[in-house]
Amino acid sequence: MPRPVDALDAAFPIAASIALDLIRRPEVSEQWSSPSALPHLSVGALACHLGRQAVRAAELLPTPTDLLLLEAADDHYERAAWVTEGSPDEASVASGPDEAEAVRGPADLHDRSAVALREVGDLLARGAARDVVPIPWQGWSLRRSEFLLTRQLEIVVHSDDLAVSVGVPTPTFPAEVFDPVRDLLVRLAVRRHGQSALISALSRSERAHDISAF
């Protein structure tokens, strides 16, 4: 059954709000410069990456585009260079935007993420968000619901990464946030590893496979 166009309009601000609550936890600020659970990335840089999902949405939702339109978020992840090329090396991470933003500190991240969340909510409430949204760093665009799903996946996945990194419980997302992300991850895992690998991993511990969606 097709997902209603406005379902992610309502869900994404909830996801971003939960991410902001996690970013604001004192454990994140206290361990800002410590290594995160992700290779070569500090806790602060990971928090900045998480907070950037709302910032990206605020920037791109009102932006017109003539970039190639992909049909689904699934196609975005099949084509994205960071998926096809594997994990970035230490030099690439160090020169990327996450560590550069982390230098500005937790308070700066809290402020810009909160502003972005308000802007996203306003854009969606006023109907000012575009039906097709560009992803300029990839060179293509997605329909708004599919774009928001990619940002929502980033939030759910990296909230777990950040929580594990600082030793706090991973946030529990409501069904309207979590279920579309779960379904997308399952589809990506099946596309990458096949049905049998997924069924074995979920139902047969004695023959479970690595079925990472990425």
N, C-alpha and C. Protein backbone atom coordinates (compact mmCIF):
# COMPACT_ATOMS: atom_id res chain seq x y z
N MET A 1 0.85 -1.19 0.00
CA MET A 1 0.00 0.00 0.00
C MET A 1 0.89 1.24 0.00
N PRO A 2 0.67 2.20 -0.90
CA PRO A 2 1.51 3.40 -0.94
C PRO A 2 1.43 4.19 0.37
N ARG A 3 2.54 4.75 0.78
CA ARG A 3 2.56 5.57 1.98
C ARG A 3 1.97 6.93 1.66
N PRO A 4 1.07 7.48 2.50
CA PRO A 4 0.52 8.81 2.24
C PRO A 4 1.63 9.83 2.13
N VAL A 5 1.46 10.79 1.24
CA VAL A 5 2.50 11.79 1.00
C VAL A 5 2.85 12.55 2.27
N ASP A 6 1.86 12.81 3.13
CA ASP A 6 2.12 13.65 4.30
C ASP A 6 2.53 12.86 5.54
N ALA A 7 2.67 11.55 5.47
CA ALA A 7 3.00 10.76 6.65
C ALA A 7 4.37 11.15 7.21
N LEU A 8 5.34 11.31 6.35
CA LEU A 8 6.68 11.68 6.79
C LEU A 8 6.76 13.16 7.14
N ASP A 9 5.86 13.99 6.58
CA ASP A 9 5.79 15.39 6.99
C ASP A 9 5.52 15.49 8.49
N ALA A 10 4.67 14.62 8.99
CA ALA A 10 4.35 14.62 10.41
C ALA A 10 5.40 13.92 11.24
N ALA A 11 6.00 12.86 10.69
CA ALA A 11 6.93 12.04 11.46
C ALA A 11 8.31 12.66 11.59
N PHE A 12 8.79 13.33 10.55
CA PHE A 12 10.17 13.82 10.59
C PHE A 12 10.43 14.80 11.72
N PRO A 13 9.58 15.80 11.96
CA PRO A 13 9.86 16.69 13.09
C PRO A 13 9.91 15.96 14.43
N ILE A 14 9.14 14.89 14.58
CA ILE A 14 9.21 14.10 15.82
C ILE A 14 10.58 13.45 15.93
N ALA A 15 11.05 12.86 14.83
CA ALA A 15 12.37 12.23 14.83
C ALA A 15 13.46 13.25 15.15
N ALA A 16 13.40 14.41 14.53
CA ALA A 16 14.42 15.44 14.75
C ALA A 16 14.39 15.97 16.17
N SER A 17 13.20 16.05 16.75
CA SER A 17 13.07 16.50 18.14
C SER A 17 13.71 15.51 19.11
N ILE A 18 13.50 14.22 18.87
CA ILE A 18 14.11 13.19 19.71
C ILE A 18 15.63 13.23 19.57
N ALA A 19 16.11 13.44 18.35
CA ALA A 19 17.56 13.56 18.14
C ALA A 19 18.12 14.76 18.88
N LEU A 20 17.40 15.87 18.87
CA LEU A 20 17.86 17.07 19.57
C LEU A 20 17.94 16.83 21.07
N ASP A 21 16.96 16.13 21.62
CA ASP A 21 17.01 15.80 23.05
C ASP A 21 18.26 14.98 23.38
N LEU A 22 18.60 14.04 22.50
CA LEU A 22 19.80 13.22 22.72
C LEU A 22 21.06 14.07 22.62
N ILE A 23 21.14 14.91 21.62
CA ILE A 23 22.30 15.78 21.44
C ILE A 23 22.53 16.66 22.66
N ARG A 24 21.46 17.08 23.29
CA ARG A 24 21.54 17.99 24.43
C ARG A 24 21.91 17.30 25.74
N ARG A 25 21.97 15.99 25.75
CA ARG A 25 22.28 15.29 26.99
C ARG A 25 23.68 15.67 27.48
N PRO A 26 23.84 15.84 28.78
CA PRO A 26 25.14 16.25 29.32
C PRO A 26 26.25 15.26 29.00
N GLU A 27 25.91 13.98 28.87
CA GLU A 27 26.94 12.98 28.56
C GLU A 27 27.60 13.26 27.21
N VAL A 28 26.84 13.82 26.28
CA VAL A 28 27.40 14.14 24.96
C VAL A 28 28.40 15.28 25.09
N SER A 29 28.02 16.33 25.80
CA SER A 29 28.93 17.46 25.99
C SER A 29 30.17 17.06 26.77
N GLU A 30 29.99 16.23 27.78
CA GLU A 30 31.12 15.82 28.62
C GLU A 30 32.14 14.98 27.86
N GLN A 31 31.66 14.21 26.87
CA GLN A 31 32.56 13.33 26.11
C GLN A 31 32.80 13.83 24.69
N TRP A 32 32.58 15.09 24.48
CA TRP A 32 32.60 15.71 23.15
C TRP A 32 33.84 15.35 22.33
N SER A 33 35.00 15.38 22.96
CA SER A 33 36.26 15.14 22.23
C SER A 33 36.70 13.68 22.25
N SER A 34 35.94 12.83 22.90
CA SER A 34 36.31 11.41 22.98
C SER A 34 35.95 10.69 21.68
N PRO A 35 36.59 9.54 21.42
CA PRO A 35 36.22 8.77 20.23
C PRO A 35 34.78 8.25 20.34
N SER A 36 34.08 8.25 19.23
CA SER A 36 32.73 7.70 19.21
C SER A 36 32.80 6.22 18.84
N ALA A 37 31.64 5.60 18.73
CA ALA A 37 31.57 4.19 18.33
C ALA A 37 31.88 3.99 16.85
N LEU A 38 31.94 5.07 16.08
CA LEU A 38 32.24 4.99 14.66
C LEU A 38 33.72 5.27 14.43
N PRO A 39 34.35 4.54 13.52
CA PRO A 39 35.79 4.71 13.30
C PRO A 39 36.16 6.14 12.92
N HIS A 40 37.21 6.66 13.57
CA HIS A 40 37.84 7.94 13.23
C HIS A 40 36.97 9.16 13.58
N LEU A 41 35.82 8.98 14.21
CA LEU A 41 34.89 10.08 14.45
C LEU A 41 34.75 10.34 15.94
N SER A 42 34.88 11.59 16.35
CA SER A 42 34.69 11.94 17.75
C SER A 42 33.20 11.98 18.10
N VAL A 43 32.91 11.97 19.38
CA VAL A 43 31.53 12.09 19.84
C VAL A 43 30.92 13.40 19.33
N GLY A 44 31.68 14.48 19.42
CA GLY A 44 31.17 15.77 18.96
C GLY A 44 30.86 15.76 17.48
N ALA A 45 31.73 15.16 16.69
CA ALA A 45 31.50 15.10 15.25
C ALA A 45 30.28 14.26 14.92
N LEU A 46 30.11 13.16 15.64
CA LEU A 46 28.93 12.32 15.43
C LEU A 46 27.66 13.07 15.81
N ALA A 47 27.71 13.82 16.91
CA ALA A 47 26.55 14.63 17.31
C ALA A 47 26.24 15.67 16.25
N CYS A 48 27.27 16.29 15.67
CA CYS A 48 27.06 17.27 14.61
C CYS A 48 26.43 16.62 13.38
N HIS A 49 26.88 15.42 13.05
CA HIS A 49 26.30 14.71 11.91
C HIS A 49 24.82 14.41 12.15
N LEU A 50 24.50 14.02 13.36
CA LEU A 50 23.10 13.76 13.71
C LEU A 50 22.28 15.04 13.64
N GLY A 51 22.80 16.11 14.21
CA GLY A 51 22.07 17.38 14.19
C GLY A 51 21.90 17.95 12.80
N ARG A 52 22.83 17.61 11.90
CA ARG A 52 22.77 18.17 10.55
C ARG A 52 21.57 17.66 9.76
N GLN A 53 20.95 16.59 10.18
CA GLN A 53 19.81 16.08 9.41
C GLN A 53 18.66 17.09 9.39
N ALA A 54 18.40 17.73 10.50
CA ALA A 54 17.38 18.78 10.52
C ALA A 54 17.85 20.01 9.76
N VAL A 55 19.14 20.33 9.88
CA VAL A 55 19.69 21.48 9.17
C VAL A 55 19.58 21.28 7.66
N ARG A 56 19.93 20.10 7.19
CA ARG A 56 19.80 19.79 5.76
C ARG A 56 18.34 19.94 5.31
N ALA A 57 17.44 19.41 6.09
CA ALA A 57 16.02 19.49 5.73
C ALA A 57 15.57 20.94 5.64
N ALA A 58 15.97 21.76 6.60
CA ALA A 58 15.58 23.18 6.57
C ALA A 58 16.13 23.88 5.34
N GLU A 59 17.34 23.53 4.95
CA GLU A 59 17.97 24.16 3.78
C GLU A 59 17.32 23.71 2.47
N LEU A 60 17.00 22.44 2.36
CA LEU A 60 16.66 21.86 1.06
C LEU A 60 15.16 21.76 0.79
N LEU A 61 14.34 21.66 1.81
CA LEU A 61 12.91 21.50 1.57
C LEU A 61 12.30 22.63 0.73
N PRO A 62 12.75 23.89 0.88
CA PRO A 62 12.16 24.95 0.04
C PRO A 62 12.92 25.22 -1.25
N THR A 63 13.91 24.40 -1.59
CA THR A 63 14.81 24.68 -2.70
C THR A 63 14.32 24.03 -3.99
N PRO A 64 14.15 24.83 -5.06
CA PRO A 64 13.76 24.23 -6.35
C PRO A 64 14.90 23.41 -6.93
N THR A 65 14.56 22.47 -7.80
CA THR A 65 15.59 21.61 -8.38
C THR A 65 15.20 21.14 -9.76
N ASP A 66 16.22 20.96 -10.61
CA ASP A 66 16.02 20.28 -11.89
C ASP A 66 16.92 19.05 -11.98
N LEU A 67 17.41 18.58 -10.84
CA LEU A 67 18.27 17.41 -10.81
C LEU A 67 17.45 16.15 -11.12
N LEU A 68 18.13 15.13 -11.60
CA LEU A 68 17.50 13.85 -11.89
C LEU A 68 16.67 13.37 -10.70
N LEU A 69 15.44 12.98 -10.97
CA LEU A 69 14.54 12.49 -9.92
C LEU A 69 14.63 10.98 -9.81
N LEU A 70 15.04 10.50 -8.65
CA LEU A 70 15.02 9.06 -8.38
C LEU A 70 13.65 8.68 -7.84
N GLU A 71 13.25 7.45 -8.08
CA GLU A 71 11.92 7.02 -7.70
C GLU A 71 11.76 6.81 -6.20
N ALA A 72 12.81 6.35 -5.52
CA ALA A 72 12.64 5.96 -4.12
C ALA A 72 13.93 6.14 -3.34
N ALA A 73 13.79 6.19 -2.02
CA ALA A 73 14.95 6.24 -1.14
C ALA A 73 15.85 5.02 -1.36
N ASP A 74 15.26 3.90 -1.70
CA ASP A 74 16.04 2.69 -1.98
C ASP A 74 17.07 2.95 -3.07
N ASP A 75 16.67 3.68 -4.12
CA ASP A 75 17.58 3.98 -5.23
C ASP A 75 18.68 4.94 -4.78
N HIS A 76 18.34 5.87 -3.90
CA HIS A 76 19.33 6.79 -3.34
C HIS A 76 20.46 6.01 -2.67
N TYR A 77 20.10 5.05 -1.83
CA TYR A 77 21.13 4.30 -1.11
C TYR A 77 21.87 3.31 -2.01
N GLU A 78 21.23 2.87 -3.07
CA GLU A 78 21.92 1.98 -4.00
C GLU A 78 23.01 2.73 -4.76
N ARG A 79 22.78 4.02 -5.01
CA ARG A 79 23.71 4.81 -5.82
C ARG A 79 24.72 5.60 -4.99
N ALA A 80 24.40 5.92 -3.75
CA ALA A 80 25.23 6.85 -2.96
C ALA A 80 26.66 6.34 -2.85
N ALA A 81 27.61 7.25 -3.06
CA ALA A 81 29.03 6.86 -3.08
C ALA A 81 29.47 6.31 -1.74
N TRP A 82 28.97 6.87 -0.63
CA TRP A 82 29.43 6.40 0.69
C TRP A 82 28.99 4.96 0.94
N VAL A 83 27.94 4.51 0.26
CA VAL A 83 27.53 3.11 0.38
C VAL A 83 28.37 2.23 -0.53
N THR A 84 28.52 2.65 -1.78
CA THR A 84 29.20 1.81 -2.76
C THR A 84 30.71 1.75 -2.52
N GLU A 85 31.29 2.79 -1.90
CA GLU A 85 32.74 2.83 -1.71
C GLU A 85 33.19 2.29 -0.37
N GLY A 86 32.27 2.01 0.54
CA GLY A 86 32.63 1.49 1.85
C GLY A 86 32.99 2.58 2.84
N SER A 87 33.50 2.18 4.01
CA SER A 87 33.78 3.11 5.10
C SER A 87 34.90 4.08 4.71
N PRO A 88 34.75 5.37 5.04
CA PRO A 88 35.79 6.34 4.71
C PRO A 88 37.03 6.13 5.58
N ASP A 89 38.18 6.53 5.05
CA ASP A 89 39.41 6.39 5.83
C ASP A 89 39.56 7.56 6.79
N GLU A 90 40.58 7.48 7.63
CA GLU A 90 40.76 8.49 8.68
C GLU A 90 40.95 9.89 8.11
N ALA A 91 41.71 10.01 7.02
CA ALA A 91 41.96 11.32 6.43
C ALA A 91 40.68 11.94 5.90
N SER A 92 39.82 11.14 5.29
CA SER A 92 38.57 11.66 4.75
C SER A 92 37.65 12.15 5.86
N VAL A 93 37.60 11.40 6.94
CA VAL A 93 36.77 11.81 8.08
C VAL A 93 37.30 13.10 8.69
N ALA A 94 38.62 13.17 8.87
CA ALA A 94 39.22 14.34 9.50
C ALA A 94 39.00 15.61 8.70
N SER A 95 38.95 15.48 7.37
CA SER A 95 38.78 16.65 6.52
C SER A 95 37.32 16.96 6.20
N GLY A 96 36.41 16.16 6.71
CA GLY A 96 34.99 16.34 6.43
C GLY A 96 34.35 17.39 7.32
N PRO A 97 33.06 17.66 7.08
CA PRO A 97 32.37 18.73 7.82
C PRO A 97 32.08 18.41 9.28
N ASP A 98 32.01 17.12 9.63
CA ASP A 98 31.60 16.77 10.99
C ASP A 98 32.62 17.26 12.03
N GLU A 99 33.88 16.94 11.82
CA GLU A 99 34.90 17.36 12.78
C GLU A 99 35.07 18.88 12.76
N ALA A 100 34.92 19.50 11.58
CA ALA A 100 35.04 20.96 11.50
C ALA A 100 33.93 21.63 12.32
N GLU A 101 32.72 21.11 12.24
CA GLU A 101 31.62 21.68 13.02
C GLU A 101 31.80 21.40 14.50
N ALA A 102 32.36 20.26 14.84
CA ALA A 102 32.53 19.91 16.26
C ALA A 102 33.44 20.89 16.98
N VAL A 103 34.37 21.50 16.26
CA VAL A 103 35.28 22.49 16.86
C VAL A 103 34.49 23.66 17.45
N ARG A 104 33.33 23.92 16.91
CA ARG A 104 32.51 25.05 17.38
C ARG A 104 31.80 24.76 18.69
N GLY A 105 31.80 23.49 19.12
CA GLY A 105 31.32 23.14 20.45
C GLY A 105 29.85 22.77 20.52
N PRO A 106 29.44 22.20 21.67
CA PRO A 106 28.07 21.72 21.83
C PRO A 106 27.01 22.80 21.76
N ALA A 107 27.28 23.96 22.38
CA ALA A 107 26.24 24.99 22.43
C ALA A 107 25.87 25.46 21.03
N ASP A 108 26.87 25.58 20.16
CA ASP A 108 26.60 26.00 18.78
C ASP A 108 25.72 24.97 18.07
N LEU A 109 26.02 23.70 18.28
CA LEU A 109 25.20 22.64 17.68
C LEU A 109 23.78 22.68 18.20
N HIS A 110 23.63 22.85 19.52
CA HIS A 110 22.28 22.90 20.09
C HIS A 110 21.48 24.03 19.45
N ASP A 111 22.09 25.19 19.30
CA ASP A 111 21.38 26.35 18.76
C ASP A 111 20.97 26.13 17.32
N ARG A 112 21.91 25.71 16.47
CA ARG A 112 21.58 25.60 15.05
C ARG A 112 20.60 24.45 14.79
N SER A 113 20.67 23.38 15.58
CA SER A 113 19.73 22.28 15.41
C SER A 113 18.33 22.68 15.82
N ALA A 114 18.23 23.43 16.91
CA ALA A 114 16.92 23.89 17.38
C ALA A 114 16.28 24.85 16.37
N VAL A 115 17.09 25.76 15.83
CA VAL A 115 16.58 26.69 14.82
C VAL A 115 16.10 25.93 13.58
N ALA A 116 16.90 24.96 13.15
CA ALA A 116 16.53 24.17 11.97
C ALA A 116 15.24 23.40 12.20
N LEU A 117 15.08 22.83 13.39
CA LEU A 117 13.86 22.08 13.69
C LEU A 117 12.63 22.99 13.61
N ARG A 118 12.74 24.19 14.12
CA ARG A 118 11.62 25.14 14.04
C ARG A 118 11.34 25.50 12.58
N GLU A 119 12.38 25.70 11.79
CA GLU A 119 12.20 26.05 10.38
C GLU A 119 11.53 24.91 9.61
N VAL A 120 11.95 23.69 9.88
CA VAL A 120 11.35 22.54 9.20
C VAL A 120 9.86 22.43 9.55
N GLY A 121 9.55 22.55 10.83
CA GLY A 121 8.15 22.49 11.24
C GLY A 121 7.32 23.56 10.57
N ASP A 122 7.87 24.76 10.45
CA ASP A 122 7.15 25.86 9.82
C ASP A 122 6.96 25.60 8.32
N LEU A 123 8.01 25.15 7.65
CA LEU A 123 7.91 24.87 6.22
C LEU A 123 6.84 23.82 5.93
N LEU A 124 6.82 22.77 6.71
CA LEU A 124 5.86 21.69 6.49
C LEU A 124 4.45 22.13 6.85
N ALA A 125 4.32 22.90 7.92
CA ALA A 125 2.99 23.35 8.35
C ALA A 125 2.37 24.32 7.36
N ARG A 126 3.20 25.18 6.74
CA ARG A 126 2.70 26.19 5.81
C ARG A 126 2.55 25.66 4.39
N GLY A 127 2.98 24.43 4.16
CA GLY A 127 2.95 23.90 2.80
C GLY A 127 4.00 24.52 1.91
N ALA A 128 5.08 25.05 2.53
CA ALA A 128 6.14 25.73 1.77
C ALA A 128 7.25 24.77 1.33
N ALA A 129 7.19 23.53 1.78
CA ALA A 129 8.19 22.54 1.36
C ALA A 129 7.86 22.04 -0.04
N ARG A 130 8.89 21.87 -0.86
CA ARG A 130 8.71 21.43 -2.25
C ARG A 130 8.29 19.96 -2.31
N ASP A 131 7.59 19.61 -3.38
CA ASP A 131 7.22 18.22 -3.60
C ASP A 131 8.43 17.37 -4.00
N VAL A 132 9.38 17.99 -4.67
CA VAL A 132 10.63 17.33 -5.07
C VAL A 132 11.78 18.12 -4.46
N VAL A 133 12.69 17.40 -3.81
CA VAL A 133 13.75 18.04 -3.01
C VAL A 133 15.11 17.61 -3.56
N PRO A 134 16.03 18.56 -3.76
CA PRO A 134 17.35 18.19 -4.29
C PRO A 134 18.25 17.58 -3.22
N ILE A 135 19.14 16.71 -3.66
CA ILE A 135 20.25 16.24 -2.82
C ILE A 135 21.51 16.60 -3.62
N PRO A 136 21.93 17.85 -3.53
CA PRO A 136 22.95 18.35 -4.46
C PRO A 136 24.30 17.67 -4.34
N TRP A 137 24.67 17.21 -3.15
CA TRP A 137 25.97 16.55 -3.01
C TRP A 137 25.99 15.17 -3.68
N GLN A 138 24.81 14.66 -4.04
CA GLN A 138 24.73 13.40 -4.76
C GLN A 138 24.44 13.61 -6.24
N GLY A 139 23.81 14.74 -6.59
CA GLY A 139 23.51 15.00 -7.98
C GLY A 139 22.16 14.53 -8.43
N TRP A 140 21.25 14.27 -7.50
CA TRP A 140 19.90 13.86 -7.86
C TRP A 140 18.90 14.43 -6.85
N SER A 141 17.63 14.14 -7.07
CA SER A 141 16.57 14.62 -6.19
C SER A 141 15.64 13.47 -5.85
N LEU A 142 14.81 13.71 -4.83
CA LEU A 142 13.81 12.74 -4.39
C LEU A 142 12.51 13.47 -4.12
N ARG A 143 11.41 12.75 -4.22
CA ARG A 143 10.15 13.31 -3.74
C ARG A 143 10.27 13.57 -2.25
N ARG A 144 9.51 14.54 -1.77
CA ARG A 144 9.69 14.99 -0.39
C ARG A 144 9.60 13.86 0.61
N SER A 145 8.62 12.99 0.46
CA SER A 145 8.46 11.90 1.42
C SER A 145 9.69 11.00 1.43
N GLU A 146 10.27 10.75 0.26
CA GLU A 146 11.44 9.89 0.17
C GLU A 146 12.68 10.60 0.71
N PHE A 147 12.79 11.89 0.45
CA PHE A 147 13.89 12.67 1.03
C PHE A 147 13.82 12.64 2.56
N LEU A 148 12.64 12.90 3.10
CA LEU A 148 12.50 12.90 4.56
C LEU A 148 12.78 11.52 5.14
N LEU A 149 12.44 10.48 4.40
CA LEU A 149 12.74 9.12 4.86
C LEU A 149 14.24 8.92 4.97
N THR A 150 15.02 9.44 4.01
CA THR A 150 16.48 9.29 4.11
C THR A 150 17.02 10.03 5.33
N ARG A 151 16.49 11.21 5.61
CA ARG A 151 16.96 11.96 6.80
C ARG A 151 16.51 11.25 8.08
N GLN A 152 15.33 10.65 8.03
CA GLN A 152 14.81 9.94 9.19
C GLN A 152 15.64 8.69 9.47
N LEU A 153 16.05 7.99 8.42
CA LEU A 153 16.93 6.84 8.61
C LEU A 153 18.24 7.28 9.25
N GLU A 154 18.81 8.38 8.77
CA GLU A 154 20.04 8.90 9.36
C GLU A 154 19.86 9.17 10.85
N ILE A 155 18.73 9.74 11.21
CA ILE A 155 18.46 10.07 12.61
C ILE A 155 18.36 8.81 13.46
N VAL A 156 17.58 7.85 13.02
CA VAL A 156 17.40 6.63 13.80
C VAL A 156 18.72 5.88 13.97
N VAL A 157 19.46 5.73 12.88
CA VAL A 157 20.71 4.97 12.93
C VAL A 157 21.76 5.70 13.77
N HIS A 158 21.93 6.99 13.54
CA HIS A 158 23.00 7.70 14.24
C HIS A 158 22.63 8.06 15.68
N SER A 159 21.34 8.06 15.99
CA SER A 159 20.97 8.19 17.41
C SER A 159 21.45 6.98 18.19
N ASP A 160 21.34 5.81 17.58
CA ASP A 160 21.86 4.61 18.22
C ASP A 160 23.39 4.70 18.36
N ASP A 161 24.06 5.14 17.30
CA ASP A 161 25.52 5.29 17.35
C ASP A 161 25.94 6.24 18.47
N LEU A 162 25.24 7.37 18.58
CA LEU A 162 25.62 8.38 19.57
C LEU A 162 25.32 7.89 20.99
N ALA A 163 24.17 7.27 21.17
CA ALA A 163 23.82 6.76 22.50
C ALA A 163 24.82 5.72 22.97
N VAL A 164 25.18 4.80 22.09
CA VAL A 164 26.18 3.78 22.43
C VAL A 164 27.52 4.43 22.75
N SER A 165 27.86 5.46 22.01
CA SER A 165 29.15 6.13 22.18
C SER A 165 29.32 6.74 23.57
N VAL A 166 28.21 7.26 24.14
CA VAL A 166 28.31 7.95 25.43
C VAL A 166 27.70 7.17 26.58
N GLY A 167 27.25 5.94 26.30
CA GLY A 167 26.75 5.07 27.37
C GLY A 167 25.40 5.43 27.93
N VAL A 168 24.50 5.88 27.06
CA VAL A 168 23.13 6.16 27.49
C VAL A 168 22.18 5.30 26.67
N PRO A 169 20.93 5.09 27.14
CA PRO A 169 19.99 4.28 26.37
C PRO A 169 19.68 4.90 25.00
N THR A 170 19.59 4.07 24.00
CA THR A 170 19.19 4.54 22.68
C THR A 170 17.73 5.00 22.74
N PRO A 171 17.42 6.17 22.19
CA PRO A 171 16.03 6.63 22.22
C PRO A 171 15.09 5.63 21.56
N THR A 172 13.90 5.54 22.10
CA THR A 172 12.84 4.74 21.49
C THR A 172 11.99 5.66 20.63
N PHE A 173 11.92 5.37 19.35
CA PHE A 173 11.16 6.19 18.43
C PHE A 173 9.75 5.64 18.28
N PRO A 174 8.74 6.51 18.14
CA PRO A 174 7.38 6.02 17.93
C PRO A 174 7.26 5.32 16.59
N ALA A 175 6.20 4.55 16.44
CA ALA A 175 6.03 3.71 15.25
C ALA A 175 6.05 4.52 13.96
N GLU A 176 5.47 5.72 13.97
CA GLU A 176 5.42 6.49 12.73
C GLU A 176 6.81 6.95 12.27
N VAL A 177 7.75 6.99 13.20
CA VAL A 177 9.14 7.30 12.85
C VAL A 177 9.90 6.02 12.53
N PHE A 178 9.80 5.03 13.41
CA PHE A 178 10.64 3.84 13.31
C PHE A 178 10.23 2.90 12.19
N ASP A 179 8.94 2.68 12.01
CA ASP A 179 8.50 1.63 11.07
C ASP A 179 8.94 1.89 9.63
N PRO A 180 8.82 3.11 9.09
CA PRO A 180 9.31 3.31 7.71
C PRO A 180 10.81 3.09 7.58
N VAL A 181 11.57 3.46 8.62
CA VAL A 181 13.02 3.24 8.61
C VAL A 181 13.33 1.74 8.66
N ARG A 182 12.64 1.04 9.53
CA ARG A 182 12.82 -0.43 9.61
C ARG A 182 12.55 -1.07 8.27
N ASP A 183 11.45 -0.69 7.64
CA ASP A 183 11.09 -1.31 6.37
C ASP A 183 12.12 -1.00 5.28
N LEU A 184 12.63 0.23 5.28
CA LEU A 184 13.65 0.58 4.29
C LEU A 184 14.93 -0.22 4.53
N LEU A 185 15.35 -0.34 5.77
CA LEU A 185 16.56 -1.12 6.07
C LEU A 185 16.40 -2.58 5.66
N VAL A 186 15.21 -3.13 5.88
CA VAL A 186 14.97 -4.51 5.47
C VAL A 186 15.06 -4.64 3.95
N ARG A 187 14.45 -3.71 3.23
CA ARG A 187 14.51 -3.78 1.76
C ARG A 187 15.95 -3.66 1.27
N LEU A 188 16.71 -2.75 1.87
CA LEU A 188 18.11 -2.59 1.46
C LEU A 188 18.93 -3.83 1.77
N ALA A 189 18.67 -4.44 2.92
CA ALA A 189 19.40 -5.66 3.28
C ALA A 189 19.07 -6.80 2.32
N VAL A 190 17.81 -6.92 1.95
CA VAL A 190 17.42 -7.97 1.00
C VAL A 190 18.05 -7.72 -0.36
N ARG A 191 18.05 -6.46 -0.78
CA ARG A 191 18.66 -6.13 -2.07
C ARG A 191 20.14 -6.47 -2.07
N ARG A 192 20.80 -6.27 -0.95
CA ARG A 192 22.24 -6.49 -0.88
C ARG A 192 22.61 -7.95 -0.65
N HIS A 193 21.82 -8.67 0.18
CA HIS A 193 22.22 -10.01 0.61
C HIS A 193 21.28 -11.12 0.16
N GLY A 194 20.06 -10.78 -0.27
CA GLY A 194 19.10 -11.79 -0.69
C GLY A 194 18.15 -12.19 0.42
N GLN A 195 17.03 -12.78 0.03
CA GLN A 195 15.98 -13.15 0.99
C GLN A 195 16.46 -14.20 1.98
N SER A 196 17.18 -15.19 1.51
CA SER A 196 17.59 -16.28 2.39
C SER A 196 18.45 -15.79 3.54
N ALA A 197 19.39 -14.89 3.25
CA ALA A 197 20.27 -14.37 4.30
C ALA A 197 19.46 -13.63 5.36
N LEU A 198 18.47 -12.87 4.92
CA LEU A 198 17.64 -12.12 5.88
C LEU A 198 16.82 -13.07 6.73
N ILE A 199 16.18 -14.05 6.11
CA ILE A 199 15.35 -15.01 6.86
C ILE A 199 16.20 -15.77 7.86
N SER A 200 17.38 -16.20 7.46
CA SER A 200 18.27 -16.92 8.38
C SER A 200 18.68 -16.04 9.56
N ALA A 201 19.02 -14.79 9.27
CA ALA A 201 19.47 -13.90 10.34
C ALA A 201 18.37 -13.61 11.35
N LEU A 202 17.14 -13.52 10.88
CA LEU A 202 16.03 -13.17 11.77
C LEU A 202 15.40 -14.38 12.46
N SER A 203 15.62 -15.57 11.92
CA SER A 203 14.90 -16.71 12.48
C SER A 203 15.77 -17.90 12.87
N ARG A 204 17.05 -17.91 12.48
CA ARG A 204 17.90 -19.07 12.72
C ARG A 204 19.26 -18.62 13.23
N SER A 205 19.41 -18.53 14.55
CA SER A 205 20.66 -18.05 15.13
C SER A 205 21.84 -18.94 14.76
N GLU A 206 21.58 -20.21 14.51
CA GLU A 206 22.68 -21.14 14.20
C GLU A 206 23.26 -20.92 12.80
N ARG A 207 22.58 -20.17 11.94
CA ARG A 207 23.15 -19.90 10.62
C ARG A 207 22.94 -18.43 10.21
N ALA A 208 22.97 -17.56 11.20
CA ALA A 208 22.79 -16.14 10.93
C ALA A 208 23.94 -15.58 10.12
N HIS A 209 23.63 -14.64 9.24
CA HIS A 209 24.63 -13.98 8.41
C HIS A 209 24.72 -12.51 8.80
N ASP A 210 25.81 -11.87 8.39
CA ASP A 210 25.92 -10.42 8.47
C ASP A 210 25.03 -9.85 7.38
N ILE A 211 23.99 -9.14 7.76
CA ILE A 211 23.05 -8.62 6.76
C ILE A 211 22.92 -7.12 6.86
N SER A 212 24.02 -6.44 7.14
CA SER A 212 23.98 -4.97 7.18
C SER A 212 23.39 -4.43 5.89
N ALA A 213 22.49 -3.47 6.04
CA ALA A 213 21.88 -2.85 4.86
C ALA A 213 22.90 -2.08 4.05
N PHE A 214 24.01 -1.71 4.69
CA PHE A 214 25.03 -0.92 3.99
C PHE A 214 26.35 -1.67 3.89
